[in-house]
N, C-alpha and C. Protein backbone atom coordinates (compact mmCIF):
# COMPACT_ATOMS: atom_id res chain seq x y z
N MET A 1 4.09 11.43 19.53
CA MET A 1 3.75 10.55 18.33
C MET A 1 4.34 10.72 17.22
N THR A 2 4.54 9.92 16.36
CA THR A 2 5.21 10.05 14.88
C THR A 2 4.05 9.96 14.01
N LEU A 3 4.05 10.79 12.87
CA LEU A 3 3.03 10.31 11.76
C LEU A 3 3.53 9.72 10.88
N LEU A 4 2.83 8.74 10.21
CA LEU A 4 3.07 8.01 8.82
C LEU A 4 1.86 8.24 8.04
N ALA A 5 2.24 9.01 6.88
CA ALA A 5 1.43 9.03 5.79
C ALA A 5 1.42 8.19 4.66
N VAL A 6 0.56 7.26 4.19
CA VAL A 6 0.81 6.34 3.22
C VAL A 6 -0.04 6.67 2.08
N VAL A 7 0.41 6.59 0.73
CA VAL A 7 -0.16 6.80 -0.54
C VAL A 7 0.38 5.74 -1.56
N ARG A 8 -0.80 5.20 -1.89
CA ARG A 8 -0.69 4.17 -3.05
C ARG A 8 -0.28 4.91 -4.27
N HIS A 9 0.53 4.00 -5.12
CA HIS A 9 0.91 4.74 -6.53
C HIS A 9 -0.32 4.75 -7.34
N GLY A 10 -0.02 5.49 -8.34
CA GLY A 10 -0.98 5.92 -9.39
C GLY A 10 -1.37 4.56 -10.08
N PRO A 11 -2.28 4.42 -10.93
CA PRO A 11 -2.70 3.46 -11.75
C PRO A 11 -1.64 2.97 -12.87
N THR A 12 -1.86 1.56 -13.13
CA THR A 12 -1.02 1.16 -14.12
C THR A 12 -1.88 0.33 -15.26
N GLU A 13 -1.22 0.06 -16.52
CA GLU A 13 -2.02 -0.78 -17.24
C GLU A 13 -2.40 -2.20 -16.80
N TRP A 14 -1.62 -2.76 -15.83
CA TRP A 14 -2.01 -3.97 -14.99
C TRP A 14 -3.05 -3.59 -14.06
N ASN A 15 -3.18 -2.79 -13.52
CA ASN A 15 -4.40 -2.27 -12.66
C ASN A 15 -5.70 -2.12 -13.54
N THR A 16 -5.61 -1.40 -14.64
CA THR A 16 -6.69 -1.38 -15.27
C THR A 16 -7.35 -2.59 -15.90
N ARG A 17 -6.40 -3.63 -16.16
CA ARG A 17 -6.97 -4.65 -16.66
C ARG A 17 -6.99 -6.00 -15.50
N GLY A 18 -6.94 -5.60 -14.29
CA GLY A 18 -7.40 -6.31 -13.20
C GLY A 18 -6.14 -7.61 -13.03
N ARG A 19 -5.01 -7.19 -13.19
CA ARG A 19 -3.95 -8.07 -13.22
C ARG A 19 -3.02 -7.97 -11.97
N VAL A 20 -2.98 -9.18 -11.37
CA VAL A 20 -2.04 -9.09 -9.88
C VAL A 20 -0.61 -8.78 -10.48
N GLN A 21 -0.14 -7.69 -9.82
CA GLN A 21 1.25 -7.11 -9.92
C GLN A 21 2.09 -7.36 -9.06
N GLY A 22 1.86 -7.59 -7.62
CA GLY A 22 2.94 -8.03 -6.94
C GLY A 22 4.17 -7.32 -7.16
N ARG A 23 5.26 -8.26 -7.00
CA ARG A 23 6.51 -7.44 -7.12
C ARG A 23 6.98 -7.24 -8.78
N THR A 24 6.09 -7.67 -9.76
CA THR A 24 6.43 -7.43 -11.09
C THR A 24 6.64 -5.66 -11.07
N ASP A 25 7.65 -5.37 -11.97
CA ASP A 25 7.85 -3.86 -11.81
C ASP A 25 7.21 -3.20 -13.00
N VAL A 26 5.87 -3.11 -12.93
CA VAL A 26 5.05 -2.47 -14.06
C VAL A 26 4.91 -0.98 -13.62
N PRO A 27 5.56 -0.13 -14.77
CA PRO A 27 5.62 1.22 -14.59
C PRO A 27 4.06 2.03 -14.55
N LEU A 28 3.89 3.12 -14.19
CA LEU A 28 2.71 3.89 -14.54
C LEU A 28 2.44 4.09 -16.20
N ASP A 29 1.16 3.76 -16.33
CA ASP A 29 1.03 4.10 -18.03
C ASP A 29 0.48 5.81 -18.13
N ALA A 30 0.26 6.10 -19.19
CA ALA A 30 0.11 7.47 -19.63
C ALA A 30 -1.12 8.22 -18.66
N THR A 31 -2.25 7.05 -18.48
CA THR A 31 -3.25 7.39 -17.54
C THR A 31 -2.82 7.72 -16.20
N GLY A 32 -1.92 6.98 -15.60
CA GLY A 32 -1.52 7.04 -14.31
C GLY A 32 -0.62 8.19 -14.07
N ILE A 33 0.13 8.57 -15.05
CA ILE A 33 1.03 9.58 -14.96
C ILE A 33 -0.19 10.85 -14.72
N ALA A 34 -0.87 10.96 -15.67
CA ALA A 34 -1.74 12.26 -15.89
C ALA A 34 -2.63 12.18 -14.44
N GLU A 35 -3.27 11.08 -14.00
CA GLU A 35 -3.83 11.24 -12.78
C GLU A 35 -3.01 12.00 -11.64
N VAL A 36 -1.85 11.05 -11.44
CA VAL A 36 -1.04 11.68 -10.28
C VAL A 36 -0.54 12.97 -10.23
N ARG A 37 -0.41 13.51 -11.83
CA ARG A 37 -0.09 14.91 -11.84
C ARG A 37 -1.48 15.85 -11.47
N ARG A 38 -2.42 15.24 -11.35
CA ARG A 38 -3.79 15.95 -10.79
C ARG A 38 -3.84 15.98 -9.25
N TRP A 39 -3.25 15.11 -8.71
CA TRP A 39 -3.23 15.01 -7.31
C TRP A 39 -2.61 16.36 -6.50
N SER A 40 -3.25 16.84 -5.36
CA SER A 40 -2.75 17.64 -4.70
C SER A 40 -2.49 17.08 -3.21
N LEU A 41 -1.56 17.59 -2.46
CA LEU A 41 -1.32 16.93 -1.30
C LEU A 41 -1.64 17.79 -0.16
N PRO A 42 -2.30 17.32 0.82
CA PRO A 42 -2.89 18.15 1.80
C PRO A 42 -2.00 18.55 2.81
N PRO A 43 -2.24 19.81 3.51
CA PRO A 43 -1.18 20.52 4.38
C PRO A 43 -0.65 19.80 5.46
N ASP A 44 -1.61 18.67 5.85
CA ASP A 44 -1.46 17.68 6.95
C ASP A 44 -0.01 17.05 6.79
N VAL A 45 0.87 16.97 5.66
CA VAL A 45 2.11 16.48 5.45
C VAL A 45 3.20 17.29 4.89
N ASP A 46 3.09 18.81 5.25
CA ASP A 46 3.99 19.74 4.95
C ASP A 46 5.18 19.51 5.82
N GLY A 47 6.18 19.45 5.33
CA GLY A 47 7.43 19.25 6.16
C GLY A 47 7.98 17.76 6.55
N PHE A 48 6.92 16.85 6.11
CA PHE A 48 7.31 15.49 6.31
C PHE A 48 8.40 14.86 5.37
N SER A 49 9.23 14.00 5.97
CA SER A 49 10.27 13.19 5.07
C SER A 49 9.69 12.41 4.00
N TRP A 50 10.10 11.82 3.27
CA TRP A 50 9.76 10.90 2.09
C TRP A 50 10.47 9.89 1.74
N VAL A 51 9.63 8.64 1.68
CA VAL A 51 10.28 7.15 1.46
C VAL A 51 9.42 6.52 0.43
N SER A 52 9.83 5.62 -0.39
CA SER A 52 9.30 5.00 -1.27
C SER A 52 9.75 3.49 -1.30
N SER A 53 8.67 2.55 -1.82
CA SER A 53 8.98 1.30 -2.62
C SER A 53 10.01 1.42 -3.48
N PRO A 54 10.83 0.35 -3.62
CA PRO A 54 11.71 0.83 -4.99
C PRO A 54 11.01 0.25 -6.35
N LEU A 55 10.02 -0.09 -6.32
CA LEU A 55 9.23 -0.43 -7.74
C LEU A 55 9.31 1.11 -8.51
N THR A 56 9.16 0.48 -9.59
CA THR A 56 8.99 1.92 -10.76
C THR A 56 7.66 2.72 -10.30
N ARG A 57 6.71 1.99 -10.44
CA ARG A 57 5.52 2.54 -10.16
C ARG A 57 5.13 3.70 -9.02
N THR A 58 5.80 2.89 -7.92
CA THR A 58 5.69 3.73 -6.43
C THR A 58 7.02 5.13 -6.63
N MET A 59 8.11 4.92 -7.17
CA MET A 59 9.22 5.76 -7.40
C MET A 59 8.71 6.90 -8.38
N GLU A 60 7.99 6.62 -9.56
CA GLU A 60 7.33 7.62 -10.41
C GLU A 60 6.35 8.21 -9.88
N THR A 61 5.43 7.72 -9.07
CA THR A 61 4.44 8.65 -8.13
C THR A 61 5.05 9.60 -7.35
N ALA A 62 6.08 9.08 -6.50
CA ALA A 62 6.56 9.82 -5.49
C ALA A 62 7.48 11.04 -6.24
N ARG A 63 8.09 10.71 -7.29
CA ARG A 63 8.77 11.77 -7.87
C ARG A 63 7.93 12.84 -8.49
N ILE A 64 6.82 12.62 -8.97
CA ILE A 64 5.57 13.55 -9.70
C ILE A 64 5.22 14.35 -8.13
N LEU A 65 4.89 13.72 -7.35
CA LEU A 65 4.42 14.38 -5.92
C LEU A 65 5.05 15.21 -5.21
N ARG A 66 6.49 14.65 -5.22
CA ARG A 66 7.62 15.59 -4.25
C ARG A 66 8.34 16.41 -5.23
N GLY A 67 8.41 16.25 -6.55
CA GLY A 67 9.01 16.82 -7.41
C GLY A 67 10.69 16.76 -7.56
N GLU A 68 11.04 15.70 -6.95
CA GLU A 68 12.38 15.01 -6.71
C GLU A 68 12.27 13.51 -6.51
N GLU A 69 13.59 13.10 -6.74
CA GLU A 69 13.61 11.44 -6.38
C GLU A 69 13.58 11.44 -4.77
N VAL A 70 13.19 10.65 -4.30
CA VAL A 70 13.04 10.27 -2.61
C VAL A 70 13.71 8.97 -2.55
N ARG A 71 14.30 8.73 -1.07
CA ARG A 71 14.69 7.66 -0.81
C ARG A 71 13.81 6.35 -1.08
N ARG A 72 14.65 5.37 -1.19
CA ARG A 72 13.74 3.98 -1.47
C ARG A 72 13.98 3.03 -0.06
N ASP A 73 12.92 2.30 0.07
CA ASP A 73 13.24 1.49 1.33
C ASP A 73 12.64 -0.14 0.89
N ALA A 74 13.36 -1.02 0.55
CA ALA A 74 12.85 -2.29 0.29
C ALA A 74 11.67 -2.93 0.83
N ARG A 75 11.68 -2.47 2.10
CA ARG A 75 10.56 -3.14 2.95
C ARG A 75 9.13 -2.75 2.80
N LEU A 76 9.06 -1.93 2.04
CA LEU A 76 7.86 -0.84 1.47
C LEU A 76 7.35 -1.59 -0.04
N VAL A 77 8.11 -2.52 -0.51
CA VAL A 77 7.68 -3.28 -1.52
C VAL A 77 6.34 -4.12 -1.54
N GLU A 78 5.76 -4.46 -2.59
CA GLU A 78 4.41 -4.90 -2.45
C GLU A 78 4.40 -6.44 -2.01
N MET A 79 3.46 -7.04 -1.74
CA MET A 79 3.23 -8.33 -1.05
C MET A 79 3.84 -9.39 -2.45
N ASP A 80 4.68 -10.39 -2.07
CA ASP A 80 4.92 -11.07 -3.35
C ASP A 80 3.95 -12.32 -3.50
N TRP A 81 3.25 -12.28 -4.93
CA TRP A 81 2.30 -12.97 -5.17
C TRP A 81 2.77 -14.16 -5.99
N ALA A 82 3.94 -14.44 -6.07
CA ALA A 82 4.85 -15.54 -6.91
C ALA A 82 4.32 -16.04 -8.19
N GLY A 83 3.75 -17.23 -8.42
CA GLY A 83 3.18 -17.54 -9.76
C GLY A 83 2.20 -16.89 -10.34
N TRP A 84 1.43 -16.40 -9.33
CA TRP A 84 0.15 -15.73 -9.60
C TRP A 84 0.34 -14.33 -10.31
N GLU A 85 1.50 -13.78 -9.96
CA GLU A 85 1.65 -12.51 -10.73
C GLU A 85 1.38 -12.34 -12.22
N GLY A 86 0.44 -11.47 -12.62
CA GLY A 86 0.29 -11.36 -14.14
C GLY A 86 -1.24 -12.07 -14.31
N GLU A 87 -1.78 -12.74 -13.32
CA GLU A 87 -2.93 -13.31 -13.44
C GLU A 87 -4.25 -12.31 -12.93
N THR A 88 -5.48 -12.76 -13.07
CA THR A 88 -6.45 -12.03 -12.36
C THR A 88 -7.11 -12.76 -11.53
N LEU A 89 -7.65 -12.11 -10.38
CA LEU A 89 -8.28 -12.90 -9.15
C LEU A 89 -9.43 -13.69 -9.92
N ASP A 90 -10.25 -13.01 -10.83
CA ASP A 90 -11.25 -13.69 -11.32
C ASP A 90 -10.76 -15.23 -11.95
N ALA A 91 -9.77 -14.89 -12.87
CA ALA A 91 -9.39 -15.98 -13.47
C ALA A 91 -8.69 -17.34 -12.49
N LEU A 92 -8.12 -16.90 -11.55
CA LEU A 92 -7.78 -17.61 -10.26
C LEU A 92 -8.95 -18.43 -9.59
N ARG A 93 -9.90 -17.65 -9.43
CA ARG A 93 -11.06 -18.23 -8.70
C ARG A 93 -12.00 -19.19 -9.58
N ALA A 94 -11.90 -18.85 -10.97
CA ALA A 94 -12.50 -20.04 -11.72
C ALA A 94 -11.66 -20.87 -11.98
N GLU A 95 -10.44 -20.99 -12.04
CA GLU A 95 -9.39 -21.95 -11.99
C GLU A 95 -9.53 -23.11 -10.89
N LEU A 96 -9.40 -22.45 -9.84
CA LEU A 96 -9.01 -23.12 -8.57
C LEU A 96 -10.30 -23.39 -7.75
N GLY A 97 -11.37 -22.82 -7.82
CA GLY A 97 -12.78 -22.97 -7.24
C GLY A 97 -12.68 -22.96 -5.82
N ASP A 98 -12.94 -23.91 -5.18
CA ASP A 98 -13.18 -24.14 -3.78
C ASP A 98 -11.92 -24.21 -3.15
N LEU A 99 -10.82 -24.57 -3.64
CA LEU A 99 -9.57 -24.25 -3.23
C LEU A 99 -9.01 -22.78 -2.94
N MET A 100 -9.61 -22.03 -3.93
CA MET A 100 -9.12 -20.66 -3.80
C MET A 100 -10.08 -19.69 -2.87
N ARG A 101 -11.20 -20.21 -2.64
CA ARG A 101 -12.13 -19.76 -1.44
C ARG A 101 -11.54 -20.10 -0.09
N ALA A 102 -10.95 -21.27 -0.08
CA ALA A 102 -10.32 -21.84 1.09
C ALA A 102 -9.18 -20.93 1.57
N TRP A 103 -8.15 -20.77 0.43
CA TRP A 103 -7.15 -19.81 0.79
C TRP A 103 -7.58 -18.43 0.93
N GLU A 104 -8.63 -17.77 0.68
CA GLU A 104 -9.13 -16.31 0.51
C GLU A 104 -9.37 -16.39 1.97
N ALA A 105 -10.02 -17.54 2.60
CA ALA A 105 -10.68 -17.33 3.90
C ALA A 105 -9.70 -17.42 5.17
N LYS A 106 -8.41 -17.47 4.71
CA LYS A 106 -7.66 -17.48 5.80
C LYS A 106 -7.05 -16.05 6.18
N GLY A 107 -7.69 -15.07 5.54
CA GLY A 107 -7.15 -13.90 6.07
C GLY A 107 -5.84 -13.36 5.97
N LEU A 108 -5.36 -13.06 7.11
CA LEU A 108 -3.90 -12.72 7.32
C LEU A 108 -2.99 -13.93 6.86
N ASP A 109 -3.26 -15.01 6.82
CA ASP A 109 -2.48 -15.80 6.42
C ASP A 109 -2.64 -16.48 5.04
N PHE A 110 -3.17 -15.68 3.99
CA PHE A 110 -3.80 -16.22 2.70
C PHE A 110 -2.38 -15.71 1.79
N LYS A 111 -1.80 -16.69 1.20
CA LYS A 111 -0.91 -16.03 0.28
C LYS A 111 -0.95 -17.29 -1.16
N ALA A 112 -0.52 -16.72 -1.89
CA ALA A 112 -0.05 -17.60 -3.48
C ALA A 112 1.08 -18.44 -3.01
N PRO A 113 0.93 -19.73 -3.45
CA PRO A 113 2.12 -20.66 -3.28
C PRO A 113 3.30 -20.25 -3.70
N GLY A 114 4.24 -20.36 -2.81
CA GLY A 114 5.53 -19.81 -2.84
C GLY A 114 5.59 -18.26 -2.40
N GLY A 115 4.20 -17.57 -2.10
CA GLY A 115 4.37 -16.05 -2.11
C GLY A 115 4.49 -15.80 -0.50
N GLU A 116 3.88 -14.38 -0.27
CA GLU A 116 4.06 -13.94 1.01
C GLU A 116 2.54 -13.47 1.49
N SER A 117 2.54 -13.81 2.72
CA SER A 117 0.99 -13.53 3.35
C SER A 117 0.92 -12.18 3.74
N PRO A 118 -0.06 -11.54 4.30
CA PRO A 118 -0.02 -10.21 4.84
C PRO A 118 0.38 -10.18 6.33
N ARG A 119 0.25 -11.57 6.78
CA ARG A 119 1.07 -11.52 8.33
C ARG A 119 2.60 -11.26 8.02
N GLU A 120 3.21 -11.97 7.11
CA GLU A 120 4.37 -12.11 6.74
C GLU A 120 4.64 -10.42 6.47
N LEU A 121 4.03 -10.02 5.45
CA LEU A 121 4.22 -8.20 5.28
C LEU A 121 4.39 -7.80 6.52
N GLN A 122 3.49 -7.97 7.52
CA GLN A 122 3.41 -7.01 8.39
C GLN A 122 4.81 -7.27 9.34
N ALA A 123 5.12 -8.43 9.37
CA ALA A 123 6.61 -8.77 9.94
C ALA A 123 7.61 -7.88 9.24
N ARG A 124 7.58 -7.90 8.06
CA ARG A 124 8.40 -7.08 7.16
C ARG A 124 8.55 -5.63 7.39
N ILE A 125 7.42 -4.98 7.67
CA ILE A 125 7.21 -3.43 7.87
C ILE A 125 7.44 -3.26 9.22
N ALA A 126 7.32 -4.05 10.12
CA ALA A 126 7.39 -3.88 11.72
C ALA A 126 8.84 -2.94 11.93
N PRO A 127 10.08 -3.61 11.60
CA PRO A 127 11.26 -2.71 11.71
C PRO A 127 11.07 -1.46 11.46
N PHE A 128 10.51 -1.16 10.10
CA PHE A 128 10.41 0.10 9.30
C PHE A 128 9.71 1.16 10.39
N LEU A 129 8.66 0.40 10.90
CA LEU A 129 7.76 1.41 11.75
C LEU A 129 8.37 1.76 13.10
N VAL A 130 9.21 0.77 13.75
CA VAL A 130 9.84 0.73 14.93
C VAL A 130 11.12 2.04 14.48
N GLU A 131 11.84 2.05 13.46
CA GLU A 131 12.84 2.97 13.07
C GLU A 131 12.13 4.43 12.92
N LEU A 132 11.17 4.54 12.45
CA LEU A 132 10.44 5.71 12.19
C LEU A 132 10.08 6.39 13.62
N ALA A 133 9.77 5.55 14.39
CA ALA A 133 8.98 5.97 15.75
C ALA A 133 10.25 6.47 16.50
N GLY A 134 11.35 5.78 16.63
CA GLY A 134 12.51 5.97 17.22
C GLY A 134 13.25 7.32 16.80
N ARG A 135 12.86 7.49 15.49
CA ARG A 135 13.61 8.87 14.92
C ARG A 135 12.68 10.06 15.11
N ALA A 136 11.38 9.72 15.39
CA ALA A 136 10.29 10.73 15.55
C ALA A 136 10.25 11.63 14.28
N GLU A 137 10.19 10.92 13.21
CA GLU A 137 10.24 11.54 11.86
C GLU A 137 9.11 11.32 10.97
N ASP A 138 8.14 12.44 11.13
CA ASP A 138 6.79 12.35 10.27
C ASP A 138 7.30 12.21 8.88
N THR A 139 6.48 10.84 8.09
CA THR A 139 7.10 10.54 6.77
C THR A 139 5.86 10.34 5.93
N VAL A 140 6.08 10.45 4.88
CA VAL A 140 5.18 10.05 3.71
C VAL A 140 5.68 9.02 3.13
N ALA A 141 5.14 8.02 3.09
CA ALA A 141 5.50 6.82 2.32
C ALA A 141 4.64 6.36 1.11
N VAL A 142 5.23 6.19 -0.18
CA VAL A 142 4.46 5.87 -1.21
C VAL A 142 4.77 4.33 -1.51
N THR A 143 3.53 3.69 -1.54
CA THR A 143 3.75 2.06 -1.50
C THR A 143 2.60 1.29 -2.04
N HIS A 144 2.15 0.52 -1.85
CA HIS A 144 1.35 -0.63 -2.35
C HIS A 144 0.08 -0.85 -1.79
N LYS A 145 -1.16 -1.10 -2.52
CA LYS A 145 -2.25 -1.60 -1.88
C LYS A 145 -2.01 -2.60 -0.59
N GLY A 146 -1.17 -3.75 -1.07
CA GLY A 146 -1.21 -4.65 0.05
C GLY A 146 -0.42 -4.30 1.35
N VAL A 147 0.54 -3.43 1.07
CA VAL A 147 1.48 -2.93 2.34
C VAL A 147 0.21 -2.03 3.03
N ILE A 148 -0.46 -1.28 2.47
CA ILE A 148 -1.35 -0.14 3.26
C ILE A 148 -2.37 -1.16 3.97
N ARG A 149 -2.93 -2.01 3.22
CA ARG A 149 -3.89 -3.01 3.77
C ARG A 149 -3.28 -3.65 5.21
N ALA A 150 -2.11 -4.26 4.95
CA ALA A 150 -1.50 -5.03 5.77
C ALA A 150 -1.18 -3.74 7.01
N LEU A 151 -0.90 -2.53 7.12
CA LEU A 151 -0.56 -1.71 8.06
C LEU A 151 -2.10 -1.46 8.68
N TYR A 152 -2.75 -1.21 7.91
CA TYR A 152 -4.32 -0.87 8.30
C TYR A 152 -4.73 -2.19 9.42
N ALA A 153 -4.52 -3.35 8.88
CA ALA A 153 -4.86 -4.59 9.77
C ALA A 153 -4.00 -4.49 11.07
N LEU A 154 -2.90 -4.10 11.03
CA LEU A 154 -2.07 -4.27 12.25
C LEU A 154 -2.43 -3.07 13.04
N ALA A 155 -3.18 -1.98 12.40
CA ALA A 155 -3.53 -0.78 13.23
C ALA A 155 -4.85 -0.84 14.16
N THR A 156 -5.54 -1.77 13.44
CA THR A 156 -6.93 -2.03 13.91
C THR A 156 -7.27 -3.02 14.25
N GLY A 157 -6.44 -4.42 14.45
CA GLY A 157 -6.72 -5.48 14.83
C GLY A 157 -7.43 -6.31 13.74
N TRP A 158 -7.89 -5.98 12.46
CA TRP A 158 -8.71 -6.71 11.66
C TRP A 158 -7.86 -7.94 11.16
N ASP A 159 -8.49 -8.99 10.92
CA ASP A 159 -7.84 -10.13 10.56
C ASP A 159 -7.75 -10.61 9.08
N MET A 160 -8.30 -9.48 8.45
CA MET A 160 -8.55 -9.60 6.93
C MET A 160 -9.38 -10.54 6.37
N THR A 161 -10.48 -11.27 7.38
CA THR A 161 -11.48 -11.90 6.68
C THR A 161 -12.74 -11.17 6.78
N GLY A 162 -13.33 -11.23 5.66
CA GLY A 162 -14.39 -10.16 5.70
C GLY A 162 -13.91 -8.86 5.08
N LYS A 163 -15.00 -8.00 5.44
CA LYS A 163 -14.77 -6.57 4.97
C LYS A 163 -14.14 -5.99 5.99
N PRO A 164 -13.27 -4.80 5.65
CA PRO A 164 -12.48 -4.28 6.50
C PRO A 164 -13.41 -3.09 7.36
N PRO A 165 -13.01 -2.73 8.55
CA PRO A 165 -14.09 -1.65 9.26
C PRO A 165 -14.19 -0.62 8.51
N GLN A 166 -13.05 0.05 7.73
CA GLN A 166 -13.47 1.22 6.94
C GLN A 166 -12.71 0.73 5.61
N LYS A 167 -13.58 1.02 4.49
CA LYS A 167 -12.86 1.06 3.15
C LYS A 167 -11.43 2.11 2.67
N LEU A 168 -10.40 1.45 2.47
CA LEU A 168 -9.41 2.33 2.30
C LEU A 168 -9.53 2.52 0.67
N ARG A 169 -9.71 3.77 0.29
CA ARG A 169 -9.94 4.28 -1.26
C ARG A 169 -8.59 4.72 -1.81
N ASP A 170 -8.58 4.50 -3.30
CA ASP A 170 -7.33 4.98 -3.83
C ASP A 170 -7.50 6.41 -4.24
N SER A 171 -6.31 6.98 -4.58
CA SER A 171 -6.39 8.49 -4.88
C SER A 171 -6.32 9.35 -3.49
N CYS A 172 -6.01 8.49 -2.63
CA CYS A 172 -6.21 9.24 -0.93
C CYS A 172 -4.90 9.00 -0.15
N LEU A 173 -4.67 9.67 0.48
CA LEU A 173 -3.62 9.77 1.90
C LEU A 173 -4.49 9.01 2.96
N HIS A 174 -3.62 8.19 3.59
CA HIS A 174 -4.10 7.59 4.75
C HIS A 174 -2.99 7.91 5.98
N LEU A 175 -3.43 8.42 7.07
CA LEU A 175 -2.60 9.09 8.12
C LEU A 175 -2.78 8.30 9.30
N PHE A 176 -1.63 7.68 9.78
CA PHE A 176 -1.53 6.85 10.94
C PHE A 176 -0.45 7.58 12.01
N GLN A 177 -0.69 7.23 13.24
CA GLN A 177 0.25 7.56 14.22
C GLN A 177 0.93 6.40 14.73
N LEU A 178 2.25 6.50 15.08
CA LEU A 178 2.91 5.71 15.60
C LEU A 178 3.23 6.06 17.06
N ALA A 179 3.13 4.68 17.87
CA ALA A 179 3.47 4.88 19.42
C ALA A 179 5.17 4.77 19.40
N ALA A 180 5.49 5.03 20.54
CA ALA A 180 7.22 5.10 20.65
C ALA A 180 7.67 3.57 20.30
N ASP A 181 6.92 2.62 20.34
CA ASP A 181 7.42 1.13 20.01
C ASP A 181 7.10 0.79 18.48
N GLY A 182 6.27 1.71 17.93
CA GLY A 182 6.33 1.78 16.39
C GLY A 182 4.67 1.08 16.06
N THR A 183 4.04 0.82 17.32
CA THR A 183 2.64 0.56 17.13
C THR A 183 1.82 1.37 16.47
N PRO A 184 1.08 1.06 15.07
CA PRO A 184 0.29 1.99 14.31
C PRO A 184 -0.96 2.13 14.81
N ALA A 185 -1.81 3.04 14.72
CA ALA A 185 -3.23 3.26 15.24
C ALA A 185 -3.61 4.45 13.84
N PRO A 186 -4.80 4.18 13.51
CA PRO A 186 -5.35 4.86 12.54
C PRO A 186 -5.56 6.64 12.95
N LYS A 187 -5.21 7.58 12.21
CA LYS A 187 -5.38 8.93 12.84
C LYS A 187 -6.38 9.57 11.94
N ARG A 188 -6.33 9.48 10.40
CA ARG A 188 -7.44 10.27 9.52
C ARG A 188 -7.11 9.21 8.33
N LEU A 189 -8.11 8.66 7.74
CA LEU A 189 -7.93 7.93 6.49
C LEU A 189 -8.90 8.60 5.47
N ASN A 190 -8.47 8.11 4.27
CA ASN A 190 -9.20 8.57 2.87
C ASN A 190 -9.16 10.22 2.70
N ILE A 191 -8.09 10.70 2.96
CA ILE A 191 -7.90 12.17 2.73
C ILE A 191 -7.86 12.16 1.18
N PRO A 192 -8.56 12.90 0.77
CA PRO A 192 -8.69 13.02 -0.87
C PRO A 192 -7.38 13.69 -1.30
N LEU A 193 -6.89 13.08 -2.62
CA LEU A 193 -5.77 13.99 -3.38
C LEU A 193 -6.34 14.41 -4.62
N ALA A 194 -7.45 14.12 -5.07
CA ALA A 194 -8.02 14.84 -5.95
C ALA A 194 -9.59 14.88 -5.67
N PRO A 195 -10.27 15.77 -6.61
CA PRO A 195 -11.62 15.66 -6.53
C PRO A 195 -12.62 14.77 -6.61
N GLY A 196 -13.20 14.19 -5.68
CA GLY A 196 -14.23 13.29 -5.67
C GLY A 196 -13.75 11.73 -5.22
N ALA A 197 -12.11 12.07 -4.77
CA ALA A 197 -11.42 10.71 -4.24
C ALA A 197 -12.00 10.85 -2.96
N GLY A 198 -11.96 9.49 -2.35
CA GLY A 198 -12.41 9.24 -0.91
C GLY A 198 -13.96 9.29 -0.73
N GLU A 199 -14.63 9.35 -1.64
CA GLU A 199 -16.16 9.55 -1.46
C GLU A 199 -16.85 7.80 -1.65
C-alpha cells in the first residue's frame, strides 16, 4: 500500500473573511505564515516525497514545512468556483435563496455556474492517485479544502450531502492509503500539526 498524507494550506486573509478562494491566487497572510511556522510534522511522514498545488498559498505552506521548494502538480489545485470566487457563501445564500439550497443539495454534483463540481474534481485527481500507487511513493501533498474533501468522499463513499462521517479539521494532516489501482481509503485522519488542532 502507498500512503498519501494531505495537508491544507495555512490561513489567508480571504479565509478569515469567509470569502470563497477557489483558483484565485491568494497568498498566506502574516497570521497564516506565523501559524504554519508553529506546525510540527508527525513522524508518520518521515521520508515521504512532497508535492503541492501550484497556488501561492500552498507553495508557501509547503516551503515552510519542508524547508525548501517542492514540486508542483496542477491536479492538486483548488476546485474552480468561477464567478463566485471572492464572494461569501452567506452572501450567495442570501442572494440566491432557494436556488442556492437546491444547488447545495446536489452534493458531489454541486458547482458554481461555469465552475467545477466535487465529482469533476475527483476525476481530475484520479490519475494523480493512480500514478502515486504505481510508483509506490509515499507522499505528502499540500493542497486545498475542496481537494481534501473530494478525496475523503472518494475514500469513504460519502456523497457530500449532509455532514461527513468524520469532520476533517484544519491544521491537521490526513493520512490515506492507496490500493494498487489508486483507490484511496482513510488510514488516520485529523493528525494534529499544532497543540489543540484536531480536537
